[in-house]
Every structure is written in C-alpha cells, then in structure tokens.
Amino acid sequence: MAVQDTSLLAYQTLFCNGRGQSSALKILKAMRPGRKYTQAQLEKITGMRSCSVSGRLNELVGRKFVHRETEQTRCPITKALVHRVYRPRAIRAKAKVAA
C-alpha cells in the first residue's frame, strides 16, 4: 500500500470514528462569529497541534463553515504574513407566512 493510500485511510478512519469531527467542532466552538483568527492563534486557544488545526481549517473552509480572507495580515504570534479565517455571523431570515 502506498504512503498516500495509507494516509488517506488513516484520515478516513479518524474522521469516521468521530475524532476528526470533534477536532473540527473544538475549533468552531473556539471561534466567535465575526472575529478573525490566524492559525497560530487557534492553535494557542485550542491547545491543538499545528497539523491538526491546519487540516481541520481546510476542511471547515471547504464545507463553508469557516471563511478565509483573501488579503494577508501579519500574525501577532509568528509575525508571518498569513490569511486569517473567520466564522461568519449567523444570518437570521424571517420566515414568510403564506396567507
């Protein structure tokens, strides 16, 4: 089995048994809607490792739970130029009642 196949199998196993989901949920719960975060800030807040935060953020961005800014900003922790991420504010739509 190739390394790529093994990595994919390990990822699917972790995500299917809920460990990946709980990591993503931990990140989502740490993010306040409308506030922007760098990956390093989320690592510090959640206590998770860099690779875990990076993977879960990419997944959350792909599923549109989290958005990534297009412009770069200097990270207050690493001082590197990075794209911040944010959880959009909830949009409350008024239900239309049929007459």
PDB file of N, CA and C in Angstrom:
ATOM      1  N   MET A   1       0.847  -1.171   0.000  1.00  0.00           N
ATOM      2  CA  MET A   1       0.000   0.000   0.000  1.00  0.00           C
ATOM      3  C   MET A   1       0.897   1.241   0.000  1.00  0.00           C
ATOM      4  N   ALA A   2       0.603   2.205  -0.867  1.00  0.00           N
ATOM      5  CA  ALA A   2       1.397   3.422  -0.976  1.00  0.00           C
ATOM      6  C   ALA A   2       1.182   4.318   0.240  1.00  0.00           C
ATOM      7  N   VAL A   3       2.145   5.195   0.493  1.00  0.00           N
ATOM      8  CA  VAL A   3       2.065   6.102   1.632  1.00  0.00           C
ATOM      9  C   VAL A   3       0.817   6.980   1.521  1.00  0.00           C
ATOM     10  N   GLN A   4       0.538   7.462   0.307  1.00  0.00           N
ATOM     11  CA  GLN A   4      -0.633   8.315   0.103  1.00  0.00           C
ATOM     12  C   GLN A   4      -1.912   7.561   0.460  1.00  0.00           C
ATOM     13  N   ASP A   5      -2.006   6.288   0.046  1.00  0.00           N
ATOM     14  CA  ASP A   5      -3.187   5.483   0.364  1.00  0.00           C
ATOM     15  C   ASP A   5      -3.317   5.246   1.866  1.00  0.00           C
ATOM     16  N   THR A   6      -2.186   5.004   2.518  1.00  0.00           N
ATOM     17  CA  THR A   6      -2.191   4.779   3.962  1.00  0.00           C
ATOM     18  C   THR A   6      -2.640   6.041   4.703  1.00  0.00           C
ATOM     19  N   SER A   7      -2.144   7.200   4.277  1.00  0.00           N
ATOM     20  CA  SER A   7      -2.534   8.457   4.902  1.00  0.00           C
ATOM     21  C   SER A   7      -4.019   8.721   4.714  1.00  0.00           C
ATOM     22  N   LEU A   8      -4.518   8.456   3.519  1.00  0.00           N
ATOM     23  CA  LEU A   8      -5.936   8.657   3.241  1.00  0.00           C
ATOM     24  C   LEU A   8      -6.789   7.718   4.079  1.00  0.00           C
ATOM     25  N   LEU A   9      -6.366   6.475   4.208  1.00  0.00           N
ATOM     26  CA  LEU A   9      -7.101   5.505   5.010  1.00  0.00           C
ATOM     27  C   LEU A   9      -7.109   5.923   6.489  1.00  0.00           C
ATOM     28  N   ALA A  10      -5.976   6.392   6.992  1.00  0.00           N
ATOM     29  CA  ALA A  10      -5.894   6.839   8.390  1.00  0.00           C
ATOM     30  C   ALA A  10      -6.800   8.045   8.616  1.00  0.00           C
ATOM     31  N   TYR A  11      -6.817   8.982   7.667  1.00  0.00           N
ATOM     32  CA  TYR A  11      -7.670  10.163   7.792  1.00  0.00           C
ATOM     33  C   TYR A  11      -9.138   9.754   7.826  1.00  0.00           C
ATOM     34  N   GLN A  12      -9.536   8.878   6.908  1.00  0.00           N
ATOM     35  CA  GLN A  12     -10.931   8.452   6.850  1.00  0.00           C
ATOM     36  C   GLN A  12     -11.344   7.714   8.119  1.00  0.00           C
ATOM     37  N   THR A  13     -10.447   6.903   8.655  1.00  0.00           N
ATOM     38  CA  THR A  13     -10.737   6.173   9.881  1.00  0.00           C
ATOM     39  C   THR A  13     -10.946   7.131  11.045  1.00  0.00           C
ATOM     40  N   LEU A  14     -10.048   8.113  11.171  1.00  0.00           N
ATOM     41  CA  LEU A  14     -10.179   9.091  12.254  1.00  0.00           C
ATOM     42  C   LEU A  14     -11.452   9.905  12.115  1.00  0.00           C
ATOM     43  N   PHE A  15     -11.768  10.325  10.896  1.00  0.00           N
ATOM     44  CA  PHE A  15     -12.940  11.172  10.716  1.00  0.00           C
ATOM     45  C   PHE A  15     -14.223  10.373  10.909  1.00  0.00           C
ATOM     46  N   CYS A  16     -14.246   9.135  10.457  1.00  0.00           N
ATOM     47  CA  CYS A  16     -15.454   8.321  10.583  1.00  0.00           C
ATOM     48  C   CYS A  16     -15.740   7.938  12.025  1.00  0.00           C
ATOM     49  N   ASN A  17     -14.702   7.772  12.836  1.00  0.00           N
ATOM     50  CA  ASN A  17     -14.974   7.393  14.227  1.00  0.00           C
ATOM     51  C   ASN A  17     -15.203   8.603  15.125  1.00  0.00           C
ATOM     52  N   GLY A  18     -15.246   9.794  14.525  1.00  0.00           N
ATOM     53  CA  GLY A  18     -15.619  10.985  15.280  1.00  0.00           C
ATOM     54  C   GLY A  18     -14.479  11.828  15.793  1.00  0.00           C
ATOM     55  N   ARG A  19     -13.242  11.339  15.744  1.00  0.00           N
ATOM     56  CA  ARG A  19     -12.130  12.128  16.287  1.00  0.00           C
ATOM     57  C   ARG A  19     -11.887  13.379  15.456  1.00  0.00           C
ATOM     58  N   GLY A  20     -11.979  13.253  14.130  1.00  0.00           N
ATOM     59  CA  GLY A  20     -11.806  14.419  13.266  1.00  0.00           C
ATOM     60  C   GLY A  20     -12.933  15.406  13.449  1.00  0.00           C
ATOM     61  N   GLN A  21     -14.133  14.895  13.626  1.00  0.00           N
ATOM     62  CA  GLN A  21     -15.283  15.769  13.817  1.00  0.00           C
ATOM     63  C   GLN A  21     -15.163  16.537  15.124  1.00  0.00           C
ATOM     64  N   SER A  22     -14.699  15.866  16.167  1.00  0.00           N
ATOM     65  CA  SER A  22     -14.590  16.563  17.448  1.00  0.00           C
ATOM     66  C   SER A  22     -13.504  17.638  17.388  1.00  0.00           C
ATOM     67  N   SER A  23     -12.447  17.420  16.610  1.00  0.00           N
ATOM     68  CA  SER A  23     -11.403  18.430  16.459  1.00  0.00           C
ATOM     69  C   SER A  23     -11.942  19.646  15.718  1.00  0.00           C
ATOM     70  N   ALA A  24     -12.698  19.396  14.654  1.00  0.00           N
ATOM     71  CA  ALA A  24     -13.293  20.496  13.892  1.00  0.00           C
ATOM     72  C   ALA A  24     -14.286  21.258  14.766  1.00  0.00           C
ATOM     73  N   LEU A  25     -15.055  20.538  15.538  1.00  0.00           N
ATOM     74  CA  LEU A  25     -16.030  21.169  16.428  1.00  0.00           C
ATOM     75  C   LEU A  25     -15.331  21.988  17.511  1.00  0.00           C
ATOM     76  N   LYS A  26     -14.206  21.502  17.995  1.00  0.00           N
ATOM     77  CA  LYS A  26     -13.434  22.227  19.002  1.00  0.00           C
ATOM     78  C   LYS A  26     -12.966  23.572  18.437  1.00  0.00           C
ATOM     79  N   ILE A  27     -12.537  23.570  17.183  1.00  0.00           N
ATOM     80  CA  ILE A  27     -12.101  24.806  16.539  1.00  0.00           C
ATOM     81  C   ILE A  27     -13.289  25.743  16.350  1.00  0.00           C
ATOM     82  N   LEU A  28     -14.396  25.215  15.860  1.00  0.00           N
ATOM     83  CA  LEU A  28     -15.588  26.044  15.652  1.00  0.00           C
ATOM     84  C   LEU A  28     -16.075  26.677  16.951  1.00  0.00           C
ATOM     85  N   LYS A  29     -16.072  25.908  18.020  1.00  0.00           N
ATOM     86  CA  LYS A  29     -16.520  26.434  19.309  1.00  0.00           C
ATOM     87  C   LYS A  29     -15.578  27.512  19.837  1.00  0.00           C
ATOM     88  N   ALA A  30     -14.297  27.432  19.488  1.00  0.00           N
ATOM     89  CA  ALA A  30     -13.321  28.416  19.946  1.00  0.00           C
ATOM     90  C   ALA A  30     -13.436  29.738  19.187  1.00  0.00           C
ATOM     91  N   MET A  31     -14.040  29.699  18.011  1.00  0.00           N
ATOM     92  CA  MET A  31     -14.148  30.895  17.174  1.00  0.00           C
ATOM     93  C   MET A  31     -15.448  31.642  17.448  1.00  0.00           C
ATOM     94  N   ARG A  32     -15.321  32.923  17.772  1.00  0.00           N
ATOM     95  CA  ARG A  32     -16.517  33.751  17.918  1.00  0.00           C
ATOM     96  C   ARG A  32     -16.918  34.254  16.538  1.00  0.00           C
ATOM     97  N   PRO A  33     -18.196  34.202  16.196  1.00  0.00           N
ATOM     98  CA  PRO A  33     -18.645  34.668  14.877  1.00  0.00           C
ATOM     99  C   PRO A  33     -18.234  36.122  14.633  1.00  0.00           C
ATOM    100  N   GLY A  34     -17.693  36.369  13.451  1.00  0.00           N
ATOM    101  CA  GLY A  34     -17.291  37.712  13.069  1.00  0.00           C
ATOM    102  C   GLY A  34     -15.873  38.092  13.450  1.00  0.00           C
ATOM    103  N   ARG A  35     -15.253  37.373  14.377  1.00  0.00           N
ATOM    104  CA  ARG A  35     -13.876  37.669  14.782  1.00  0.00           C
ATOM    105  C   ARG A  35     -12.914  36.888  13.891  1.00  0.00           C
ATOM    106  N   LYS A  36     -11.790  37.504  13.541  1.00  0.00           N
ATOM    107  CA  LYS A  36     -10.818  36.879  12.638  1.00  0.00           C
ATOM    108  C   LYS A  36      -9.641  36.316  13.431  1.00  0.00           C
ATOM    109  N   TYR A  37      -9.178  35.135  13.005  1.00  0.00           N
ATOM    110  CA  TYR A  37      -8.113  34.420  13.714  1.00  0.00           C
ATOM    111  C   TYR A  37      -7.041  33.964  12.730  1.00  0.00           C
ATOM    112  N   THR A  38      -5.805  33.886  13.222  1.00  0.00           N
ATOM    113  CA  THR A  38      -4.752  33.218  12.454  1.00  0.00           C
ATOM    114  C   THR A  38      -4.700  31.773  12.940  1.00  0.00           C
ATOM    115  N   GLN A  39      -4.046  30.945  12.170  1.00  0.00           N
ATOM    116  CA  GLN A  39      -3.922  29.544  12.570  1.00  0.00           C
ATOM    117  C   GLN A  39      -3.173  29.435  13.895  1.00  0.00           C
ATOM    118  N   ALA A  40      -2.129  30.232  14.067  1.00  0.00           N
ATOM    119  CA  ALA A  40      -1.352  30.183  15.310  1.00  0.00           C
ATOM    120  C   ALA A  40      -2.207  30.583  16.515  1.00  0.00           C
ATOM    121  N   GLN A  41      -3.098  31.542  16.331  1.00  0.00           N
ATOM    122  CA  GLN A  41      -3.990  31.932  17.429  1.00  0.00           C
ATOM    123  C   GLN A  41      -4.925  30.785  17.790  1.00  0.00           C
ATOM    124  N   LEU A  42      -5.450  30.087  16.790  1.00  0.00           N
ATOM    125  CA  LEU A  42      -6.337  28.957  17.062  1.00  0.00           C
ATOM    126  C   LEU A  42      -5.585  27.800  17.713  1.00  0.00           C
ATOM    127  N   GLU A  43      -4.328  27.606  17.330  1.00  0.00           N
ATOM    128  CA  GLU A  43      -3.507  26.573  17.979  1.00  0.00           C
ATOM    129  C   GLU A  43      -3.367  26.889  19.469  1.00  0.00           C
ATOM    130  N   LYS A  44      -3.116  28.149  19.777  1.00  0.00           N
ATOM    131  CA  LYS A  44      -2.931  28.571  21.171  1.00  0.00           C
ATOM    132  C   LYS A  44      -4.238  28.446  21.959  1.00  0.00           C
ATOM    133  N   ILE A  45      -5.348  28.867  21.354  1.00  0.00           N
ATOM    134  CA  ILE A  45      -6.650  28.832  22.025  1.00  0.00           C
ATOM    135  C   ILE A  45      -7.106  27.397  22.299  1.00  0.00           C
ATOM    136  N   THR A  46      -6.952  26.526  21.294  1.00  0.00           N
ATOM    137  CA  THR A  46      -7.465  25.154  21.412  1.00  0.00           C
ATOM    138  C   THR A  46      -6.470  24.193  22.048  1.00  0.00           C
ATOM    139  N   GLY A  47      -5.185  24.533  22.015  1.00  0.00           N
ATOM    140  CA  GLY A  47      -4.164  23.626  22.522  1.00  0.00           C
ATOM    141  C   GLY A  47      -3.871  22.484  21.557  1.00  0.00           C
ATOM    142  N   MET A  48      -4.348  22.625  20.330  1.00  0.00           N
ATOM    143  CA  MET A  48      -4.140  21.580  19.319  1.00  0.00           C
ATOM    144  C   MET A  48      -2.837  21.831  18.563  1.00  0.00           C
ATOM    145  N   ARG A  49      -2.301  20.774  17.958  1.00  0.00           N
ATOM    146  CA  ARG A  49      -1.079  20.869  17.171  1.00  0.00           C
ATOM    147  C   ARG A  49      -1.344  21.557  15.842  1.00  0.00           C
ATOM    148  N   SER A  50      -0.292  22.125  15.268  1.00  0.00           N
ATOM    149  CA  SER A  50      -0.379  22.877  14.021  1.00  0.00           C
ATOM    150  C   SER A  50      -0.988  22.059  12.883  1.00  0.00           C
ATOM    151  N   CYS A  51      -0.537  20.815  12.723  1.00  0.00           N
ATOM    152  CA  CYS A  51      -1.038  19.983  11.626  1.00  0.00           C
ATOM    153  C   CYS A  51      -2.526  19.677  11.789  1.00  0.00           C
ATOM    154  N   SER A  52      -2.976  19.516  13.016  1.00  0.00           N
ATOM    155  CA  SER A  52      -4.388  19.238  13.280  1.00  0.00           C
ATOM    156  C   SER A  52      -5.249  20.452  12.973  1.00  0.00           C
ATOM    157  N   VAL A  53      -4.802  21.615  13.422  1.00  0.00           N
ATOM    158  CA  VAL A  53      -5.560  22.844  13.171  1.00  0.00           C
ATOM    159  C   VAL A  53      -5.606  23.124  11.672  1.00  0.00           C
ATOM    160  N   SER A  54      -4.487  22.981  11.004  1.00  0.00           N
ATOM    161  CA  SER A  54      -4.424  23.229   9.558  1.00  0.00           C
ATOM    162  C   SER A  54      -5.385  22.316   8.793  1.00  0.00           C
ATOM    163  N   GLY A  55      -5.353  21.045   9.101  1.00  0.00           N
ATOM    164  CA  GLY A  55      -6.229  20.088   8.423  1.00  0.00           C
ATOM    165  C   GLY A  55      -7.697  20.351   8.660  1.00  0.00           C
ATOM    166  N   ARG A  56      -8.048  20.620   9.911  1.00  0.00           N
ATOM    167  CA  ARG A  56      -9.458  20.884  10.230  1.00  0.00           C
ATOM    168  C   ARG A  56      -9.921  22.205   9.631  1.00  0.00           C
ATOM    169  N   LEU A  57      -9.047  23.230   9.609  1.00  0.00           N
ATOM    170  CA  LEU A  57      -9.430  24.503   9.000  1.00  0.00           C
ATOM    171  C   LEU A  57      -9.681  24.341   7.507  1.00  0.00           C
ATOM    172  N   ASN A  58      -8.809  23.603   6.832  1.00  0.00           N
ATOM    173  CA  ASN A  58      -9.020  23.368   5.398  1.00  0.00           C
ATOM    174  C   ASN A  58     -10.347  22.664   5.159  1.00  0.00           C
ATOM    175  N   GLU A  59     -10.666  21.731   6.000  1.00  0.00           N
ATOM    176  CA  GLU A  59     -11.934  21.022   5.881  1.00  0.00           C
ATOM    177  C   GLU A  59     -13.117  21.953   6.151  1.00  0.00           C
ATOM    178  N   LEU A  60     -13.029  22.754   7.190  1.00  0.00           N
ATOM    179  CA  LEU A  60     -14.109  23.686   7.536  1.00  0.00           C
ATOM    180  C   LEU A  60     -14.296  24.751   6.456  1.00  0.00           C
ATOM    181  N   VAL A  61     -13.199  25.201   5.858  1.00  0.00           N
ATOM    182  CA  VAL A  61     -13.289  26.161   4.750  1.00  0.00           C
ATOM    183  C   VAL A  61     -13.963  25.493   3.555  1.00  0.00           C
ATOM    184  N   GLY A  62     -13.581  24.256   3.270  1.00  0.00           N
ATOM    185  CA  GLY A  62     -14.188  23.514   2.164  1.00  0.00           C
ATOM    186  C   GLY A  62     -15.677  23.296   2.327  1.00  0.00           C
ATOM    187  N   ARG A  63     -16.109  23.135   3.561  1.00  0.00           N
ATOM    188  CA  ARG A  63     -17.534  22.933   3.846  1.00  0.00           C
ATOM    189  C   ARG A  63     -18.270  24.247   4.108  1.00  0.00           C
ATOM    190  N   LYS A  64     -17.538  25.363   3.989  1.00  0.00           N
ATOM    191  CA  LYS A  64     -18.082  26.718   4.134  1.00  0.00           C
ATOM    192  C   LYS A  64     -18.594  27.049   5.535  1.00  0.00           C
ATOM    193  N   PHE A  65     -18.082  26.361   6.553  1.00  0.00           N
ATOM    194  CA  PHE A  65     -18.388  26.721   7.935  1.00  0.00           C
ATOM    195  C   PHE A  65     -17.494  27.871   8.386  1.00  0.00           C
ATOM    196  N   VAL A  66     -16.325  27.973   7.749  1.00  0.00           N
ATOM    197  CA  VAL A  66     -15.335  28.997   8.053  1.00  0.00           C
ATOM    198  C   VAL A  66     -14.891  29.590   6.726  1.00  0.00           C
ATOM    199  N   HIS A  67     -14.617  30.899   6.719  1.00  0.00           N
ATOM    200  CA  HIS A  67     -14.143  31.579   5.514  1.00  0.00           C
ATOM    201  C   HIS A  67     -12.706  32.033   5.728  1.00  0.00           C
ATOM    202  N   ARG A  68     -11.954  32.084   4.616  1.00  0.00           N
ATOM    203  CA  ARG A  68     -10.558  32.524   4.671  1.00  0.00           C
ATOM    204  C   ARG A  68     -10.461  33.864   3.945  1.00  0.00           C
ATOM    205  N   GLU A  69      -9.807  34.837   4.566  1.00  0.00           N
ATOM    206  CA  GLU A  69      -9.613  36.137   3.929  1.00  0.00           C
ATOM    207  C   GLU A  69      -8.684  36.004   2.727  1.00  0.00           C
ATOM    208  N   THR A  70      -8.902  36.844   1.724  1.00  0.00           N
ATOM    209  CA  THR A  70      -8.023  36.814   0.554  1.00  0.00           C
ATOM    210  C   THR A  70      -6.750  37.619   0.786  1.00  0.00           C
ATOM    211  N   GLU A  71      -6.852  38.715   1.558  1.00  0.00           N
ATOM    212  CA  GLU A  71      -5.665  39.519   1.820  1.00  0.00           C
ATOM    213  C   GLU A  71      -4.874  38.930   2.991  1.00  0.00           C
ATOM    214  N   GLN A  72      -3.587  39.195   2.973  1.00  0.00           N
ATOM    215  CA  GLN A  72      -2.722  38.693   4.030  1.00  0.00           C
ATOM    216  C   GLN A  72      -2.555  39.732   5.133  1.00  0.00           C
ATOM    217  N   THR A  73      -2.398  39.241   6.355  1.00  0.00           N
ATOM    218  CA  THR A  73      -2.204  40.065   7.542  1.00  0.00           C
ATOM    219  C   THR A  73      -1.048  39.469   8.332  1.00  0.00           C
ATOM    220  N   ARG A  74      -0.320  40.308   9.049  1.00  0.00           N
ATOM    221  CA  ARG A  74       0.783  39.802   9.865  1.00  0.00           C
ATOM    222  C   ARG A  74       0.238  39.157  11.134  1.00  0.00           C
ATOM    223  N   CYS A  75       0.646  37.914  11.373  1.00  0.00           N
ATOM    224  CA  CYS A  75       0.203  37.179  12.559  1.00  0.00           C
ATOM    225  C   CYS A  75       0.865  37.776  13.800  1.00  0.00           C
ATOM    226  N   PRO A  76       0.080  38.059  14.847  1.00  0.00           N
ATOM    227  CA  PRO A  76       0.668  38.625  16.057  1.00  0.00           C
ATOM    228  C   PRO A  76       1.578  37.651  16.810  1.00  0.00           C
ATOM    229  N   ILE A  77       1.440  36.357  16.539  1.00  0.00           N
ATOM    230  CA  ILE A  77       2.248  35.355  17.236  1.00  0.00           C
ATOM    231  C   ILE A  77       3.518  35.020  16.456  1.00  0.00           C
ATOM    232  N   THR A  78       3.356  34.657  15.171  1.00  0.00           N
ATOM    233  CA  THR A  78       4.507  34.218  14.367  1.00  0.00           C
ATOM    234  C   THR A  78       5.182  35.350  13.601  1.00  0.00           C
ATOM    235  N   LYS A  79       4.498  36.469  13.460  1.00  0.00           N
ATOM    236  CA  LYS A  79       4.965  37.637  12.688  1.00  0.00           C
ATOM    237  C   LYS A  79       5.041  37.363  11.191  1.00  0.00           C
ATOM    238  N   ALA A  80       4.518  36.235  10.730  1.00  0.00           N
ATOM    239  CA  ALA A  80       4.497  35.899   9.304  1.00  0.00           C
ATOM    240  C   ALA A  80       3.231  36.475   8.666  1.00  0.00           C
ATOM    241  N   LEU A  81       3.274  36.687   7.350  1.00  0.00           N
ATOM    242  CA  LEU A  81       2.081  37.117   6.634  1.00  0.00           C
ATOM    243  C   LEU A  81       1.192  35.902   6.412  1.00  0.00           C
ATOM    244  N   VAL A  82      -0.060  36.004   6.839  1.00  0.00           N
ATOM    245  CA  VAL A  82      -0.974  34.858   6.771  1.00  0.00           C
ATOM    246  C   VAL A  82      -2.364  35.309   6.328  1.00  0.00           C
ATOM    247  N   HIS A  83      -3.162  34.349   5.917  1.00  0.00           N
ATOM    248  CA  HIS A  83      -4.569  34.586   5.616  1.00  0.00           C
ATOM    249  C   HIS A  83      -5.369  34.210   6.862  1.00  0.00           C
ATOM    250  N   ARG A  84      -6.075  35.172   7.444  1.00  0.00           N
ATOM    251  CA  ARG A  84      -6.871  34.873   8.626  1.00  0.00           C
ATOM    252  C   ARG A  84      -8.154  34.154   8.231  1.00  0.00           C
ATOM    253  N   VAL A  85      -8.748  33.474   9.189  1.00  0.00           N
ATOM    254  CA  VAL A  85     -10.019  32.780   8.976  1.00  0.00           C
ATOM    255  C   VAL A  85     -11.048  33.350   9.936  1.00  0.00           C
ATOM    256  N   TYR A  86     -12.297  33.214   9.578  1.00  0.00           N
ATOM    257  CA  TYR A  86     -13.361  33.701  10.443  1.00  0.00           C
ATOM    258  C   TYR A  86     -14.618  32.876  10.236  1.00  0.00           C
ATOM    259  N   ARG A  87     -15.404  32.835  11.281  1.00  0.00           N
ATOM    260  CA  ARG A  87     -16.706  32.180  11.245  1.00  0.00           C
ATOM    261  C   ARG A  87     -17.725  33.271  10.959  1.00  0.00           C
ATOM    262  N   PRO A  88     -18.474  33.151   9.868  1.00  0.00           N
ATOM    263  CA  PRO A  88     -19.416  34.220   9.531  1.00  0.00           C
ATOM    264  C   PRO A  88     -20.506  34.352  10.592  1.00  0.00           C
ATOM    265  N   ARG A  89     -20.996  35.561  10.718  1.00  0.00           N
ATOM    266  CA  ARG A  89     -22.111  35.797  11.645  1.00  0.00           C
ATOM    267  C   ARG A  89     -23.333  35.081  11.107  1.00  0.00           C
ATOM    268  N   ALA A  90     -24.139  34.575  12.015  1.00  0.00           N
ATOM    269  CA  ALA A  90     -25.368  33.873  11.607  1.00  0.00           C
ATOM    270  C   ALA A  90     -26.318  34.865  10.961  1.00  0.00           C
ATOM    271  N   ILE A  91     -26.907  34.451   9.871  1.00  0.00           N
ATOM    272  CA  ILE A  91     -27.883  35.280   9.181  1.00  0.00           C
ATOM    273  C   ILE A  91     -29.247  34.759   9.528  1.00  0.00           C
ATOM    274  N   ARG A  92     -30.031  35.600  10.126  1.00  0.00           N
ATOM    275  CA  ARG A  92     -31.377  35.187  10.526  1.00  0.00           C
ATOM    276  C   ARG A  92     -32.372  35.687   9.485  1.00  0.00           C
ATOM    277  N   ALA A  93     -33.019  34.767   8.857  1.00  0.00           N
ATOM    278  CA  ALA A  93     -34.010  35.125   7.850  1.00  0.00           C
ATOM    279  C   ALA A  93     -35.397  35.014   8.478  1.00  0.00           C
ATOM    280  N   LYS A  94     -36.232  35.981   8.200  1.00  0.00           N
ATOM    281  CA  LYS A  94     -37.600  35.940   8.705  1.00  0.00           C
ATOM    282  C   LYS A  94     -38.407  34.994   7.826  1.00  0.00           C
ATOM    283  N   ALA A  95     -39.125  34.123   8.453  1.00  0.00           N
ATOM    284  CA  ALA A  95     -39.964  33.177   7.706  1.00  0.00           C
ATOM    285  C   ALA A  95     -41.186  33.909   7.189  1.00  0.00           C
ATOM    286  N   LYS A  96     -41.491  33.676   5.938  1.00  0.00           N
ATOM    287  CA  LYS A  96     -42.690  34.283   5.359  1.00  0.00           C
ATOM    288  C   LYS A  96     -43.866  33.343   5.593  1.00  0.00           C
ATOM    289  N   VAL A  97     -44.903  33.884   6.095  1.00  0.00           N
ATOM    290  CA  VAL A  97     -46.092  33.092   6.360  1.00  0.00           C
ATOM    291  C   VAL A  97     -47.039  33.256   5.207  1.00  0.00           C
ATOM    292  N   ALA A  98     -47.436  32.143   4.612  1.00  0.00           N
ATOM    293  CA  ALA A  98     -48.383  32.183   3.486  1.00  0.00           C
ATOM    294  C   ALA A  98     -49.776  32.535   4.008  1.00  0.00           C
ATOM    295  N   ALA A  99     -50.409  33.453   3.324  1.00  0.00           N
ATOM    296  CA  ALA A  99     -51.748  33.879   3.751  1.00  0.00           C
ATOM    297  C   ALA A  99     -52.808  33.002   3.156  1.00  0.00           C
TER     298      ALA A  99
END
